[in-house]
Amino acid sequence: MVLAKCLRDQPAIPEALSAYQRLRRARVEKIVAQAARASSTKAPGPAGRALQSLILPLVFKFLVTDRSLAWRYDHHIDWGAPVTPAGELA
């Protein structure tokens, strides 16, 4: 949807793609960094698995909440807000 807005509001495709990149970069980099952290852990041994089984329910109960994930899942793009030539939403 962001790309469609950029193509709608910019005079030419190169400017639209540049605006799209500027608008999306920070969010995409945050998601990529989070995925890298999640996938960089090694498989635990028997003791680690036992500890993990005890700790993970607590982590998900207290740390992984709707509020902590809101930046990802409650993201809203206002279709009516135009994209300016600098790539910022007006």
N, C-alpha and C. Protein backbone atom coordinates (compact mmCIF):
# COMPACT_ATOMS: atom_id res chain seq x y z
N MET A 1 0.82 -1.18 0.00
CA MET A 1 0.00 0.00 0.00
C MET A 1 0.87 1.26 0.00
N VAL A 2 2.00 1.20 0.67
CA VAL A 2 2.90 2.37 0.68
C VAL A 2 3.43 2.60 -0.73
N LEU A 3 3.79 1.54 -1.43
CA LEU A 3 4.28 1.70 -2.80
C LEU A 3 3.19 2.31 -3.68
N ALA A 4 1.96 1.86 -3.53
CA ALA A 4 0.86 2.41 -4.33
C ALA A 4 0.69 3.90 -4.05
N LYS A 5 0.80 4.30 -2.79
CA LYS A 5 0.68 5.72 -2.46
C LYS A 5 1.81 6.52 -3.09
N CYS A 6 3.01 5.98 -3.04
CA CYS A 6 4.15 6.70 -3.63
C CYS A 6 3.98 6.84 -5.14
N LEU A 7 3.53 5.76 -5.79
CA LEU A 7 3.31 5.83 -7.24
C LEU A 7 2.17 6.80 -7.57
N ARG A 8 1.18 6.87 -6.70
CA ARG A 8 0.05 7.79 -6.91
C ARG A 8 0.48 9.25 -6.76
N ASP A 9 1.34 9.54 -5.78
CA ASP A 9 1.62 10.92 -5.41
C ASP A 9 2.89 11.51 -6.00
N GLN A 10 3.77 10.69 -6.55
CA GLN A 10 5.02 11.21 -7.10
C GLN A 10 4.91 11.35 -8.62
N PRO A 11 5.62 12.32 -9.20
CA PRO A 11 5.46 12.60 -10.62
C PRO A 11 6.08 11.53 -11.54
N ALA A 12 7.06 10.79 -11.05
CA ALA A 12 7.72 9.80 -11.90
C ALA A 12 8.10 8.58 -11.06
N ILE A 13 8.31 7.47 -11.72
CA ILE A 13 8.61 6.22 -11.02
C ILE A 13 9.89 6.31 -10.19
N PRO A 14 11.00 6.88 -10.69
CA PRO A 14 12.19 6.96 -9.83
C PRO A 14 11.95 7.70 -8.52
N GLU A 15 11.21 8.81 -8.58
CA GLU A 15 10.90 9.55 -7.37
C GLU A 15 9.99 8.73 -6.44
N ALA A 16 9.06 8.00 -7.02
CA ALA A 16 8.15 7.17 -6.22
C ALA A 16 8.93 6.06 -5.52
N LEU A 17 9.85 5.43 -6.21
CA LEU A 17 10.64 4.36 -5.59
C LEU A 17 11.57 4.90 -4.51
N SER A 18 12.11 6.08 -4.73
CA SER A 18 12.96 6.70 -3.72
C SER A 18 12.15 7.04 -2.47
N ALA A 19 10.97 7.59 -2.65
CA ALA A 19 10.10 7.91 -1.51
C ALA A 19 9.70 6.63 -0.79
N TYR A 20 9.38 5.59 -1.53
CA TYR A 20 9.01 4.30 -0.93
C TYR A 20 10.14 3.75 -0.06
N GLN A 21 11.35 3.80 -0.58
CA GLN A 21 12.50 3.31 0.18
C GLN A 21 12.68 4.10 1.47
N ARG A 22 12.57 5.43 1.40
CA ARG A 22 12.73 6.25 2.60
C ARG A 22 11.64 5.96 3.63
N LEU A 23 10.41 5.75 3.16
CA LEU A 23 9.31 5.50 4.08
C LEU A 23 9.39 4.13 4.75
N ARG A 24 9.89 3.15 4.07
CA ARG A 24 9.87 1.77 4.57
C ARG A 24 11.15 1.33 5.28
N ARG A 25 12.26 1.99 5.02
CA ARG A 25 13.55 1.50 5.50
C ARG A 25 13.60 1.23 7.00
N ALA A 26 13.21 2.17 7.83
CA ALA A 26 13.34 2.00 9.28
C ALA A 26 12.52 0.81 9.78
N ARG A 27 11.30 0.68 9.29
CA ARG A 27 10.44 -0.43 9.73
C ARG A 27 11.00 -1.78 9.27
N VAL A 28 11.44 -1.84 8.03
CA VAL A 28 11.99 -3.09 7.50
C VAL A 28 13.27 -3.47 8.24
N GLU A 29 14.14 -2.51 8.50
CA GLU A 29 15.38 -2.81 9.22
C GLU A 29 15.09 -3.33 10.63
N LYS A 30 14.07 -2.78 11.28
CA LYS A 30 13.70 -3.24 12.62
C LYS A 30 13.20 -4.68 12.58
N ILE A 31 12.39 -5.02 11.60
CA ILE A 31 11.88 -6.39 11.46
C ILE A 31 13.01 -7.36 11.14
N VAL A 32 13.91 -6.98 10.25
CA VAL A 32 15.04 -7.84 9.89
C VAL A 32 15.95 -8.07 11.10
N ALA A 33 16.22 -7.03 11.87
CA ALA A 33 17.06 -7.17 13.06
C ALA A 33 16.42 -8.09 14.08
N GLN A 34 15.12 -7.96 14.26
CA GLN A 34 14.42 -8.82 15.21
C GLN A 34 14.45 -10.28 14.75
N ALA A 35 14.28 -10.52 13.46
CA ALA A 35 14.34 -11.88 12.92
C ALA A 35 15.75 -12.46 13.07
N ALA A 36 16.77 -11.64 12.86
CA ALA A 36 18.14 -12.12 13.01
C ALA A 36 18.43 -12.52 14.45
N ARG A 37 17.94 -11.74 15.40
CA ARG A 37 18.13 -12.08 16.82
C ARG A 37 17.43 -13.39 17.15
N ALA A 38 16.23 -13.57 16.62
CA ALA A 38 15.45 -14.76 16.93
C ALA A 38 16.07 -16.02 16.32
N SER A 39 16.70 -15.89 15.16
CA SER A 39 17.23 -17.07 14.50
C SER A 39 18.69 -17.34 14.83
N SER A 40 19.33 -16.47 15.58
CA SER A 40 20.76 -16.64 15.83
C SER A 40 21.06 -17.53 17.03
N THR A 41 20.04 -17.99 17.73
CA THR A 41 20.28 -18.82 18.90
C THR A 41 20.52 -20.26 18.47
N LYS A 42 21.38 -20.94 19.19
CA LYS A 42 21.67 -22.34 18.89
C LYS A 42 20.69 -23.23 19.64
N ALA A 43 20.52 -24.43 19.16
CA ALA A 43 19.63 -25.39 19.82
C ALA A 43 20.20 -25.75 21.19
N PRO A 44 19.37 -25.68 22.23
CA PRO A 44 19.87 -25.99 23.57
C PRO A 44 20.04 -27.50 23.78
N GLY A 45 20.92 -27.85 24.70
CA GLY A 45 21.09 -29.25 25.09
C GLY A 45 19.97 -29.67 26.02
N PRO A 46 20.08 -30.86 26.62
CA PRO A 46 19.00 -31.36 27.49
C PRO A 46 18.70 -30.43 28.67
N ALA A 47 19.72 -29.92 29.33
CA ALA A 47 19.49 -29.02 30.46
C ALA A 47 18.88 -27.70 29.98
N GLY A 48 19.36 -27.22 28.86
CA GLY A 48 18.83 -25.98 28.30
C GLY A 48 17.38 -26.12 27.89
N ARG A 49 17.02 -27.27 27.31
CA ARG A 49 15.63 -27.50 26.92
C ARG A 49 14.72 -27.52 28.15
N ALA A 50 15.18 -28.15 29.23
CA ALA A 50 14.38 -28.21 30.46
C ALA A 50 14.17 -26.80 31.02
N LEU A 51 15.26 -26.02 31.06
CA LEU A 51 15.17 -24.65 31.55
C LEU A 51 14.28 -23.81 30.63
N GLN A 52 14.44 -24.02 29.34
CA GLN A 52 13.64 -23.28 28.36
C GLN A 52 12.15 -23.59 28.55
N SER A 53 11.82 -24.84 28.82
CA SER A 53 10.43 -25.22 29.03
C SER A 53 9.83 -24.53 30.25
N LEU A 54 10.67 -24.23 31.23
CA LEU A 54 10.19 -23.54 32.43
C LEU A 54 10.08 -22.03 32.23
N ILE A 55 11.03 -21.48 31.49
CA ILE A 55 11.11 -20.02 31.36
C ILE A 55 10.22 -19.46 30.25
N LEU A 56 10.10 -20.17 29.13
CA LEU A 56 9.36 -19.61 28.00
C LEU A 56 7.91 -19.24 28.33
N PRO A 57 7.17 -20.05 29.08
CA PRO A 57 5.81 -19.61 29.40
C PRO A 57 5.77 -18.27 30.15
N LEU A 58 6.75 -18.05 31.02
CA LEU A 58 6.82 -16.78 31.75
C LEU A 58 7.17 -15.63 30.82
N VAL A 59 8.09 -15.88 29.91
CA VAL A 59 8.49 -14.85 28.94
C VAL A 59 7.28 -14.43 28.12
N PHE A 60 6.54 -15.42 27.61
CA PHE A 60 5.39 -15.08 26.78
C PHE A 60 4.27 -14.44 27.59
N LYS A 61 4.14 -14.81 28.84
CA LYS A 61 3.09 -14.23 29.66
C LYS A 61 3.37 -12.77 30.02
N PHE A 62 4.64 -12.45 30.32
CA PHE A 62 4.97 -11.11 30.83
C PHE A 62 5.68 -10.19 29.83
N LEU A 63 6.39 -10.75 28.89
CA LEU A 63 7.18 -9.90 27.98
C LEU A 63 6.60 -9.81 26.57
N VAL A 64 6.06 -10.89 26.07
CA VAL A 64 5.51 -10.88 24.72
C VAL A 64 4.01 -10.63 24.86
N THR A 65 3.65 -9.36 24.82
CA THR A 65 2.26 -8.95 25.03
C THR A 65 1.74 -8.24 23.79
N ASP A 66 0.45 -8.00 23.78
CA ASP A 66 -0.13 -7.24 22.67
C ASP A 66 0.54 -5.88 22.55
N ARG A 67 0.85 -5.28 23.69
CA ARG A 67 1.48 -3.96 23.66
C ARG A 67 2.90 -4.02 23.07
N SER A 68 3.66 -5.05 23.44
CA SER A 68 5.04 -5.14 22.93
C SER A 68 5.08 -5.47 21.44
N LEU A 69 4.02 -6.04 20.90
CA LEU A 69 3.97 -6.39 19.48
C LEU A 69 3.15 -5.41 18.65
N ALA A 70 2.58 -4.40 19.31
CA ALA A 70 1.69 -3.46 18.62
C ALA A 70 2.38 -2.74 17.47
N TRP A 71 3.65 -2.39 17.61
CA TRP A 71 4.35 -1.66 16.55
C TRP A 71 4.33 -2.46 15.24
N ARG A 72 4.28 -3.78 15.35
CA ARG A 72 4.29 -4.62 14.16
C ARG A 72 2.89 -4.89 13.62
N TYR A 73 1.97 -5.24 14.50
CA TYR A 73 0.67 -5.72 14.06
C TYR A 73 -0.42 -4.65 14.00
N ASP A 74 -0.24 -3.55 14.68
CA ASP A 74 -1.23 -2.48 14.64
C ASP A 74 -0.83 -1.36 13.69
N HIS A 75 0.15 -1.62 12.84
CA HIS A 75 0.63 -0.64 11.88
C HIS A 75 -0.50 -0.25 10.93
N HIS A 76 -0.71 1.04 10.75
CA HIS A 76 -1.78 1.53 9.89
C HIS A 76 -1.21 2.52 8.88
N ILE A 77 -1.65 2.38 7.66
CA ILE A 77 -1.25 3.29 6.60
C ILE A 77 -2.49 4.07 6.17
N ASP A 78 -2.42 5.38 6.30
CA ASP A 78 -3.54 6.25 5.93
C ASP A 78 -3.51 6.49 4.42
N TRP A 79 -4.43 5.88 3.71
CA TRP A 79 -4.45 5.97 2.26
C TRP A 79 -4.67 7.41 1.80
N GLY A 80 -5.39 8.19 2.56
CA GLY A 80 -5.70 9.55 2.15
C GLY A 80 -4.56 10.53 2.33
N ALA A 81 -3.58 10.22 3.16
CA ALA A 81 -2.46 11.14 3.39
C ALA A 81 -1.49 11.07 2.21
N PRO A 82 -1.24 12.20 1.55
CA PRO A 82 -0.33 12.18 0.40
C PRO A 82 1.13 12.02 0.81
N VAL A 83 1.93 11.52 -0.11
CA VAL A 83 3.37 11.41 0.08
C VAL A 83 4.00 12.63 -0.56
N THR A 84 4.83 13.33 0.19
CA THR A 84 5.48 14.54 -0.32
C THR A 84 6.72 14.15 -1.12
N PRO A 85 7.26 15.06 -1.91
CA PRO A 85 8.45 14.75 -2.69
C PRO A 85 9.64 14.28 -1.86
N ALA A 86 9.73 14.71 -0.61
CA ALA A 86 10.83 14.28 0.26
C ALA A 86 10.61 12.86 0.76
N GLY A 87 9.45 12.26 0.47
CA GLY A 87 9.19 10.91 0.87
C GLY A 87 8.49 10.78 2.21
N GLU A 88 8.12 11.90 2.80
CA GLU A 88 7.44 11.87 4.10
C GLU A 88 5.94 11.92 3.87
N LEU A 89 5.21 11.30 4.76
CA LEU A 89 3.75 11.40 4.69
C LEU A 89 3.33 12.77 5.17
N ALA A 90 2.41 13.38 4.47
CA ALA A 90 1.92 14.71 4.86
C ALA A 90 0.90 14.60 5.97
